[in-house]
Amino acid sequence: MSVSKALPAQSEALAVLERILQEGFATGNDAIVDEVCAPELVEHQFGLAGTGAEAIAQVKRAIRDVHAMMPDVVYTIEDSVTQGDTVWARGRARGTATGPFFGPPSGAQVDIRLFEVARVVDGRIVEHWGCPDRFALLAQTGALARLSN
């Protein structure tokens, strides 16, 4: 006899985080930022840090940059925990480096780990911390080898 368990409903915070990854970073659509991020967004991620309009502009730039480097990128959330208005998520970004990244396009297959924390209030990200494995990205695209020569 098999017992099936109902899966818990996806939290609002996880759904919003998934939207910015799938509808923004995966497609290059930076307009999604205005829908899913609060105008007073506090961004903590290295290279994107800022508050308000500065943070919004940084996240939009990151969406365009990631998509230009890896237009076929696919995001997968592998695990997440939600507590209150905050979601912690572990996932992967996979794609082909067909755009420039610290040099000419390498054409390399990329598979990096992501760790994301987002605080979501009224359906919008108000605070975000992100930790993509940039070292793996540099190594997999060949940029690390180019930089070390």
N, C-alpha and C. Protein backbone atom coordinates (compact mmCIF):
# COMPACT_ATOMS: atom_id res chain seq x y z
N MET A 1 0.85 -1.17 0.00
CA MET A 1 0.00 0.00 0.00
C MET A 1 0.89 1.23 0.00
N SER A 2 0.62 2.16 -0.87
CA SER A 2 1.43 3.37 -0.91
C SER A 2 0.64 4.52 -0.30
N VAL A 3 1.38 5.36 0.36
CA VAL A 3 0.78 6.54 0.97
C VAL A 3 1.33 7.75 0.25
N SER A 4 0.45 8.60 -0.22
CA SER A 4 0.93 9.80 -0.89
C SER A 4 0.69 10.99 0.02
N LYS A 5 1.67 11.87 0.03
CA LYS A 5 1.56 13.08 0.84
C LYS A 5 1.30 14.25 -0.08
N ALA A 6 0.46 15.12 0.35
CA ALA A 6 0.23 16.35 -0.41
C ALA A 6 1.43 17.27 -0.20
N LEU A 7 1.89 17.85 -1.27
CA LEU A 7 3.00 18.79 -1.15
C LEU A 7 2.48 20.11 -0.60
N PRO A 8 3.26 20.76 0.26
CA PRO A 8 2.81 22.05 0.78
C PRO A 8 2.73 23.07 -0.35
N ALA A 9 1.82 24.00 -0.21
CA ALA A 9 1.70 25.07 -1.21
C ALA A 9 2.97 25.90 -1.21
N GLN A 10 3.34 26.36 -2.39
CA GLN A 10 4.51 27.21 -2.51
C GLN A 10 4.25 28.52 -1.78
N SER A 11 5.23 28.97 -1.01
CA SER A 11 5.06 30.22 -0.28
C SER A 11 5.06 31.39 -1.24
N GLU A 12 4.43 32.47 -0.82
CA GLU A 12 4.42 33.68 -1.64
C GLU A 12 5.85 34.15 -1.88
N ALA A 13 6.69 34.10 -0.86
CA ALA A 13 8.07 34.57 -1.00
C ALA A 13 8.82 33.74 -2.04
N LEU A 14 8.65 32.42 -2.02
CA LEU A 14 9.31 31.57 -3.01
C LEU A 14 8.76 31.84 -4.40
N ALA A 15 7.46 32.03 -4.51
CA ALA A 15 6.86 32.31 -5.82
C ALA A 15 7.43 33.60 -6.42
N VAL A 16 7.61 34.62 -5.61
CA VAL A 16 8.16 35.89 -6.10
C VAL A 16 9.63 35.71 -6.50
N LEU A 17 10.40 34.99 -5.70
CA LEU A 17 11.79 34.72 -6.05
C LEU A 17 11.88 33.94 -7.36
N GLU A 18 11.03 32.94 -7.52
CA GLU A 18 10.98 32.17 -8.78
C GLU A 18 10.66 33.08 -9.96
N ARG A 19 9.74 34.02 -9.77
CA ARG A 19 9.37 34.93 -10.87
C ARG A 19 10.56 35.74 -11.36
N ILE A 20 11.33 36.31 -10.44
CA ILE A 20 12.44 37.15 -10.90
C ILE A 20 13.50 36.30 -11.59
N LEU A 21 13.69 35.06 -11.14
CA LEU A 21 14.65 34.18 -11.81
C LEU A 21 14.13 33.76 -13.19
N GLN A 22 12.87 33.26 -13.23
CA GLN A 22 12.34 32.70 -14.47
C GLN A 22 11.90 33.76 -15.48
N GLU A 23 11.25 34.82 -15.02
CA GLU A 23 10.72 35.83 -15.92
C GLU A 23 11.71 36.97 -16.16
N GLY A 24 12.73 37.06 -15.30
CA GLY A 24 13.72 38.12 -15.44
C GLY A 24 15.05 37.59 -15.95
N PHE A 25 15.79 36.94 -15.07
CA PHE A 25 17.14 36.49 -15.42
C PHE A 25 17.15 35.49 -16.57
N ALA A 26 16.18 34.59 -16.62
CA ALA A 26 16.16 33.58 -17.69
C ALA A 26 15.78 34.16 -19.04
N THR A 27 15.05 35.28 -19.06
CA THR A 27 14.58 35.82 -20.32
C THR A 27 15.25 37.14 -20.70
N GLY A 28 15.90 37.79 -19.75
CA GLY A 28 16.49 39.10 -20.00
C GLY A 28 15.50 40.23 -19.83
N ASN A 29 14.30 39.94 -19.36
CA ASN A 29 13.25 40.94 -19.18
C ASN A 29 13.46 41.70 -17.87
N ASP A 30 14.12 42.85 -17.94
CA ASP A 30 14.40 43.60 -16.71
C ASP A 30 13.17 44.36 -16.19
N ALA A 31 12.10 44.45 -16.98
CA ALA A 31 10.87 45.13 -16.52
C ALA A 31 10.21 44.39 -15.36
N ILE A 32 10.50 43.10 -15.22
CA ILE A 32 9.92 42.32 -14.12
C ILE A 32 10.34 42.89 -12.77
N VAL A 33 11.49 43.53 -12.72
CA VAL A 33 11.99 44.11 -11.46
C VAL A 33 10.98 45.10 -10.90
N ASP A 34 10.36 45.91 -11.76
CA ASP A 34 9.38 46.88 -11.31
C ASP A 34 8.13 46.22 -10.75
N GLU A 35 7.85 45.00 -11.17
CA GLU A 35 6.67 44.27 -10.67
C GLU A 35 6.95 43.54 -9.36
N VAL A 36 8.13 42.94 -9.24
CA VAL A 36 8.37 42.05 -8.09
C VAL A 36 9.29 42.63 -7.02
N CYS A 37 9.89 43.79 -7.27
CA CYS A 37 10.74 44.42 -6.26
C CYS A 37 10.10 45.71 -5.78
N ALA A 38 10.14 45.93 -4.48
CA ALA A 38 9.61 47.16 -3.91
C ALA A 38 10.52 48.32 -4.29
N PRO A 39 9.97 49.52 -4.47
CA PRO A 39 10.79 50.68 -4.82
C PRO A 39 11.89 50.97 -3.79
N GLU A 40 11.67 50.55 -2.55
CA GLU A 40 12.67 50.76 -1.50
C GLU A 40 13.55 49.53 -1.27
N LEU A 41 13.66 48.68 -2.29
CA LEU A 41 14.48 47.46 -2.22
C LEU A 41 15.83 47.73 -1.58
N VAL A 42 16.23 46.83 -0.69
CA VAL A 42 17.58 46.83 -0.13
C VAL A 42 18.27 45.59 -0.69
N GLU A 43 19.28 45.80 -1.51
CA GLU A 43 20.02 44.71 -2.16
C GLU A 43 21.37 44.58 -1.47
N HIS A 44 21.66 43.38 -0.99
CA HIS A 44 22.91 43.12 -0.27
C HIS A 44 23.95 42.38 -1.10
N GLN A 45 23.56 41.81 -2.25
CA GLN A 45 24.47 40.97 -3.02
C GLN A 45 25.68 41.76 -3.50
N PHE A 46 26.86 41.17 -3.35
CA PHE A 46 28.10 41.80 -3.77
C PHE A 46 28.00 42.18 -5.25
N GLY A 47 28.36 43.39 -5.56
CA GLY A 47 28.32 43.87 -6.94
C GLY A 47 26.99 44.49 -7.33
N LEU A 48 25.96 44.26 -6.54
CA LEU A 48 24.63 44.81 -6.82
C LEU A 48 24.11 45.65 -5.66
N ALA A 49 24.85 45.71 -4.58
CA ALA A 49 24.37 46.33 -3.35
C ALA A 49 23.91 47.77 -3.56
N GLY A 50 22.82 48.08 -2.89
CA GLY A 50 22.28 49.43 -2.93
C GLY A 50 20.90 49.45 -2.32
N THR A 51 20.31 50.62 -2.32
CA THR A 51 18.98 50.82 -1.76
C THR A 51 18.15 51.65 -2.73
N GLY A 52 16.87 51.31 -2.81
CA GLY A 52 15.94 52.10 -3.61
C GLY A 52 16.28 52.06 -5.09
N ALA A 53 16.26 53.24 -5.72
CA ALA A 53 16.47 53.34 -7.17
C ALA A 53 17.81 52.76 -7.59
N GLU A 54 18.84 52.95 -6.77
CA GLU A 54 20.16 52.39 -7.09
C GLU A 54 20.10 50.86 -7.14
N ALA A 55 19.45 50.25 -6.17
CA ALA A 55 19.33 48.79 -6.13
C ALA A 55 18.52 48.29 -7.33
N ILE A 56 17.43 48.96 -7.63
CA ILE A 56 16.58 48.57 -8.77
C ILE A 56 17.41 48.60 -10.06
N ALA A 57 18.17 49.67 -10.25
CA ALA A 57 19.00 49.80 -11.46
C ALA A 57 20.06 48.70 -11.52
N GLN A 58 20.66 48.36 -10.38
CA GLN A 58 21.70 47.32 -10.34
C GLN A 58 21.12 45.96 -10.70
N VAL A 59 19.94 45.64 -10.18
CA VAL A 59 19.32 44.34 -10.46
C VAL A 59 18.93 44.26 -11.95
N LYS A 60 18.39 45.35 -12.49
CA LYS A 60 18.06 45.37 -13.92
C LYS A 60 19.30 45.16 -14.78
N ARG A 61 20.39 45.81 -14.42
CA ARG A 61 21.64 45.65 -15.16
C ARG A 61 22.11 44.19 -15.08
N ALA A 62 22.01 43.60 -13.90
CA ALA A 62 22.44 42.20 -13.73
C ALA A 62 21.61 41.26 -14.61
N ILE A 63 20.31 41.51 -14.69
CA ILE A 63 19.45 40.68 -15.55
C ILE A 63 19.92 40.77 -16.99
N ARG A 64 20.17 41.98 -17.47
CA ARG A 64 20.63 42.15 -18.86
C ARG A 64 22.00 41.51 -19.08
N ASP A 65 22.91 41.67 -18.12
CA ASP A 65 24.27 41.13 -18.25
C ASP A 65 24.27 39.60 -18.26
N VAL A 66 23.52 39.00 -17.34
CA VAL A 66 23.47 37.53 -17.27
C VAL A 66 22.86 36.97 -18.55
N HIS A 67 21.77 37.58 -18.99
CA HIS A 67 21.11 37.07 -20.19
C HIS A 67 21.99 37.25 -21.43
N ALA A 68 22.73 38.35 -21.50
CA ALA A 68 23.63 38.57 -22.65
C ALA A 68 24.75 37.53 -22.67
N MET A 69 25.25 37.16 -21.51
CA MET A 69 26.32 36.17 -21.45
C MET A 69 25.81 34.75 -21.69
N MET A 70 24.61 34.45 -21.18
CA MET A 70 24.09 33.08 -21.21
C MET A 70 22.60 33.12 -21.56
N PRO A 71 22.24 33.39 -22.82
CA PRO A 71 20.83 33.56 -23.17
C PRO A 71 19.96 32.31 -23.01
N ASP A 72 20.58 31.14 -22.90
CA ASP A 72 19.78 29.92 -22.72
C ASP A 72 19.75 29.46 -21.26
N VAL A 73 20.09 30.35 -20.33
CA VAL A 73 20.19 29.97 -18.92
C VAL A 73 18.84 29.44 -18.41
N VAL A 74 18.94 28.38 -17.60
CA VAL A 74 17.78 27.76 -16.97
C VAL A 74 18.05 27.75 -15.47
N TYR A 75 17.08 28.24 -14.71
CA TYR A 75 17.19 28.27 -13.26
C TYR A 75 16.33 27.19 -12.64
N THR A 76 16.89 26.52 -11.63
CA THR A 76 16.16 25.49 -10.91
C THR A 76 16.36 25.71 -9.43
N ILE A 77 15.25 25.80 -8.70
CA ILE A 77 15.32 25.84 -7.24
C ILE A 77 15.27 24.40 -6.76
N GLU A 78 16.30 23.97 -6.04
CA GLU A 78 16.37 22.58 -5.60
C GLU A 78 15.88 22.38 -4.17
N ASP A 79 15.92 23.44 -3.38
CA ASP A 79 15.51 23.32 -1.99
C ASP A 79 15.20 24.72 -1.48
N SER A 80 14.23 24.82 -0.60
CA SER A 80 13.91 26.12 -0.03
C SER A 80 13.25 25.96 1.33
N VAL A 81 13.38 27.01 2.12
CA VAL A 81 12.73 27.08 3.42
C VAL A 81 12.15 28.48 3.54
N THR A 82 10.92 28.54 3.98
CA THR A 82 10.28 29.84 4.19
C THR A 82 9.93 29.96 5.66
N GLN A 83 10.25 31.11 6.21
CA GLN A 83 9.86 31.42 7.59
C GLN A 83 9.32 32.85 7.58
N GLY A 84 8.06 32.98 7.87
CA GLY A 84 7.45 34.30 7.83
C GLY A 84 7.50 34.88 6.43
N ASP A 85 8.08 36.07 6.31
CA ASP A 85 8.15 36.73 5.00
C ASP A 85 9.48 36.49 4.28
N THR A 86 10.30 35.56 4.80
CA THR A 86 11.63 35.33 4.24
C THR A 86 11.77 33.91 3.69
N VAL A 87 12.38 33.82 2.50
CA VAL A 87 12.66 32.52 1.88
C VAL A 87 14.17 32.38 1.69
N TRP A 88 14.67 31.20 2.01
CA TRP A 88 16.05 30.82 1.73
C TRP A 88 15.97 29.75 0.66
N ALA A 89 16.72 29.92 -0.42
CA ALA A 89 16.63 28.95 -1.52
C ALA A 89 18.01 28.58 -2.03
N ARG A 90 18.15 27.30 -2.36
CA ARG A 90 19.38 26.78 -2.97
C ARG A 90 18.99 26.27 -4.34
N GLY A 91 19.77 26.65 -5.35
CA GLY A 91 19.44 26.22 -6.69
C GLY A 91 20.63 26.20 -7.62
N ARG A 92 20.31 26.14 -8.91
CA ARG A 92 21.35 26.09 -9.94
C ARG A 92 20.97 26.96 -11.11
N ALA A 93 21.99 27.43 -11.78
CA ALA A 93 21.83 28.13 -13.05
C ALA A 93 22.67 27.36 -14.05
N ARG A 94 22.03 26.95 -15.16
CA ARG A 94 22.73 26.19 -16.19
C ARG A 94 22.49 26.83 -17.55
N GLY A 95 23.54 26.89 -18.34
CA GLY A 95 23.40 27.43 -19.68
C GLY A 95 24.71 27.38 -20.44
N THR A 96 24.74 28.04 -21.57
CA THR A 96 25.91 28.07 -22.43
C THR A 96 26.42 29.50 -22.53
N ALA A 97 27.71 29.67 -22.28
CA ALA A 97 28.32 31.00 -22.29
C ALA A 97 28.60 31.44 -23.73
N THR A 98 27.54 31.87 -24.41
CA THR A 98 27.67 32.29 -25.80
C THR A 98 27.89 33.78 -25.96
N GLY A 99 27.83 34.51 -24.84
CA GLY A 99 28.09 35.95 -24.86
C GLY A 99 29.40 36.25 -24.15
N PRO A 100 29.90 37.46 -24.29
CA PRO A 100 31.18 37.82 -23.66
C PRO A 100 31.09 37.79 -22.14
N PHE A 101 32.19 37.37 -21.52
CA PHE A 101 32.32 37.36 -20.06
C PHE A 101 33.80 37.41 -19.74
N PHE A 102 34.30 38.55 -19.34
CA PHE A 102 35.74 38.75 -19.11
C PHE A 102 36.54 38.28 -20.32
N GLY A 103 36.06 38.63 -21.48
CA GLY A 103 36.70 38.23 -22.73
C GLY A 103 35.65 37.74 -23.71
N PRO A 104 36.10 37.15 -24.81
CA PRO A 104 35.17 36.68 -25.83
C PRO A 104 34.33 35.50 -25.33
N PRO A 105 33.21 35.25 -25.98
CA PRO A 105 32.38 34.10 -25.60
C PRO A 105 33.18 32.80 -25.67
N SER A 106 32.99 31.96 -24.66
CA SER A 106 33.73 30.70 -24.62
C SER A 106 32.93 29.55 -25.20
N GLY A 107 31.61 29.66 -25.23
CA GLY A 107 30.78 28.55 -25.67
C GLY A 107 30.71 27.43 -24.65
N ALA A 108 31.27 27.66 -23.48
CA ALA A 108 31.33 26.62 -22.44
C ALA A 108 29.97 26.38 -21.80
N GLN A 109 29.75 25.14 -21.39
CA GLN A 109 28.58 24.80 -20.59
C GLN A 109 28.84 25.27 -19.16
N VAL A 110 27.86 25.92 -18.58
CA VAL A 110 27.98 26.47 -17.24
C VAL A 110 26.93 25.82 -16.35
N ASP A 111 27.34 25.46 -15.14
CA ASP A 111 26.43 24.88 -14.14
C ASP A 111 26.92 25.38 -12.79
N ILE A 112 26.26 26.42 -12.27
CA ILE A 112 26.71 26.99 -11.00
C ILE A 112 25.61 26.90 -9.95
N ARG A 113 26.03 26.94 -8.71
CA ARG A 113 25.13 26.91 -7.56
C ARG A 113 24.73 28.33 -7.18
N LEU A 114 23.51 28.45 -6.70
CA LEU A 114 22.99 29.73 -6.23
C LEU A 114 22.45 29.56 -4.82
N PHE A 115 22.66 30.56 -4.01
CA PHE A 115 22.04 30.63 -2.69
C PHE A 115 21.37 31.99 -2.61
N GLU A 116 20.08 32.00 -2.37
CA GLU A 116 19.30 33.23 -2.39
C GLU A 116 18.50 33.35 -1.09
N VAL A 117 18.43 34.57 -0.59
CA VAL A 117 17.56 34.88 0.54
C VAL A 117 16.78 36.13 0.14
N ALA A 118 15.47 36.05 0.25
CA ALA A 118 14.64 37.20 -0.10
C ALA A 118 13.57 37.39 0.96
N ARG A 119 13.38 38.64 1.32
CA ARG A 119 12.28 39.01 2.21
C ARG A 119 11.21 39.65 1.34
N VAL A 120 10.01 39.11 1.39
CA VAL A 120 8.92 39.53 0.51
C VAL A 120 7.76 40.04 1.35
N VAL A 121 7.33 41.26 1.05
CA VAL A 121 6.20 41.87 1.75
C VAL A 121 5.21 42.35 0.69
N ASP A 122 3.96 41.98 0.87
CA ASP A 122 2.90 42.35 -0.08
C ASP A 122 3.25 42.00 -1.52
N GLY A 123 3.85 40.82 -1.71
CA GLY A 123 4.14 40.33 -3.05
C GLY A 123 5.37 40.93 -3.73
N ARG A 124 6.18 41.68 -2.97
CA ARG A 124 7.35 42.31 -3.57
C ARG A 124 8.58 42.09 -2.70
N ILE A 125 9.71 41.89 -3.37
CA ILE A 125 10.98 41.72 -2.64
C ILE A 125 11.38 43.07 -2.05
N VAL A 126 11.56 43.08 -0.74
CA VAL A 126 11.98 44.31 -0.07
C VAL A 126 13.45 44.25 0.34
N GLU A 127 13.97 43.03 0.42
CA GLU A 127 15.37 42.85 0.80
C GLU A 127 15.86 41.54 0.19
N HIS A 128 17.12 41.54 -0.30
CA HIS A 128 17.65 40.36 -0.98
C HIS A 128 19.14 40.21 -0.70
N TRP A 129 19.54 38.97 -0.48
CA TRP A 129 20.93 38.57 -0.39
C TRP A 129 21.12 37.45 -1.39
N GLY A 130 22.13 37.51 -2.23
CA GLY A 130 22.37 36.45 -3.20
C GLY A 130 23.84 36.06 -3.19
N CYS A 131 24.07 34.78 -3.43
CA CYS A 131 25.45 34.30 -3.46
C CYS A 131 25.60 33.28 -4.59
N PRO A 132 25.68 33.76 -5.84
CA PRO A 132 25.97 32.83 -6.94
C PRO A 132 27.43 32.40 -6.86
N ASP A 133 27.73 31.20 -7.27
CA ASP A 133 29.12 30.71 -7.22
C ASP A 133 29.91 31.33 -8.36
N ARG A 134 30.37 32.54 -8.13
CA ARG A 134 31.09 33.27 -9.18
C ARG A 134 32.44 32.64 -9.51
N PHE A 135 33.08 32.01 -8.54
CA PHE A 135 34.36 31.35 -8.81
C PHE A 135 34.15 30.21 -9.81
N ALA A 136 33.10 29.42 -9.61
CA ALA A 136 32.80 28.34 -10.57
C ALA A 136 32.48 28.92 -11.93
N LEU A 137 31.76 30.04 -11.97
CA LEU A 137 31.45 30.69 -13.24
C LEU A 137 32.72 31.11 -13.97
N LEU A 138 33.64 31.72 -13.24
CA LEU A 138 34.92 32.13 -13.84
C LEU A 138 35.69 30.92 -14.36
N ALA A 139 35.72 29.85 -13.58
CA ALA A 139 36.46 28.64 -13.99
C ALA A 139 35.81 27.97 -15.19
N GLN A 140 34.48 27.80 -15.16
CA GLN A 140 33.79 27.07 -16.22
C GLN A 140 33.79 27.81 -17.55
N THR A 141 33.82 29.14 -17.52
CA THR A 141 33.83 29.90 -18.78
C THR A 141 35.23 30.10 -19.33
N GLY A 142 36.25 29.70 -18.57
CA GLY A 142 37.63 29.90 -19.01
C GLY A 142 38.19 31.26 -18.64
N ALA A 143 37.36 32.11 -18.05
CA ALA A 143 37.82 33.45 -17.66
C ALA A 143 38.91 33.37 -16.61
N LEU A 144 38.82 32.44 -15.68
CA LEU A 144 39.81 32.29 -14.63
C LEU A 144 41.18 31.96 -15.22
N ALA A 145 41.21 31.05 -16.19
CA ALA A 145 42.47 30.68 -16.85
C ALA A 145 43.04 31.88 -17.59
N ARG A 146 42.16 32.65 -18.24
CA ARG A 146 42.64 33.85 -18.97
C ARG A 146 43.18 34.90 -18.00
N LEU A 147 42.52 35.07 -16.87
CA LEU A 147 42.95 36.06 -15.89
C LEU A 147 44.26 35.68 -15.21
N SER A 148 44.51 34.36 -15.07
CA SER A 148 45.70 33.92 -14.35
C SER A 148 46.94 33.85 -15.24
N ASN A 149 46.78 34.04 -16.54
CA ASN A 149 47.94 34.01 -17.45
C ASN A 149 48.56 35.39 -17.59
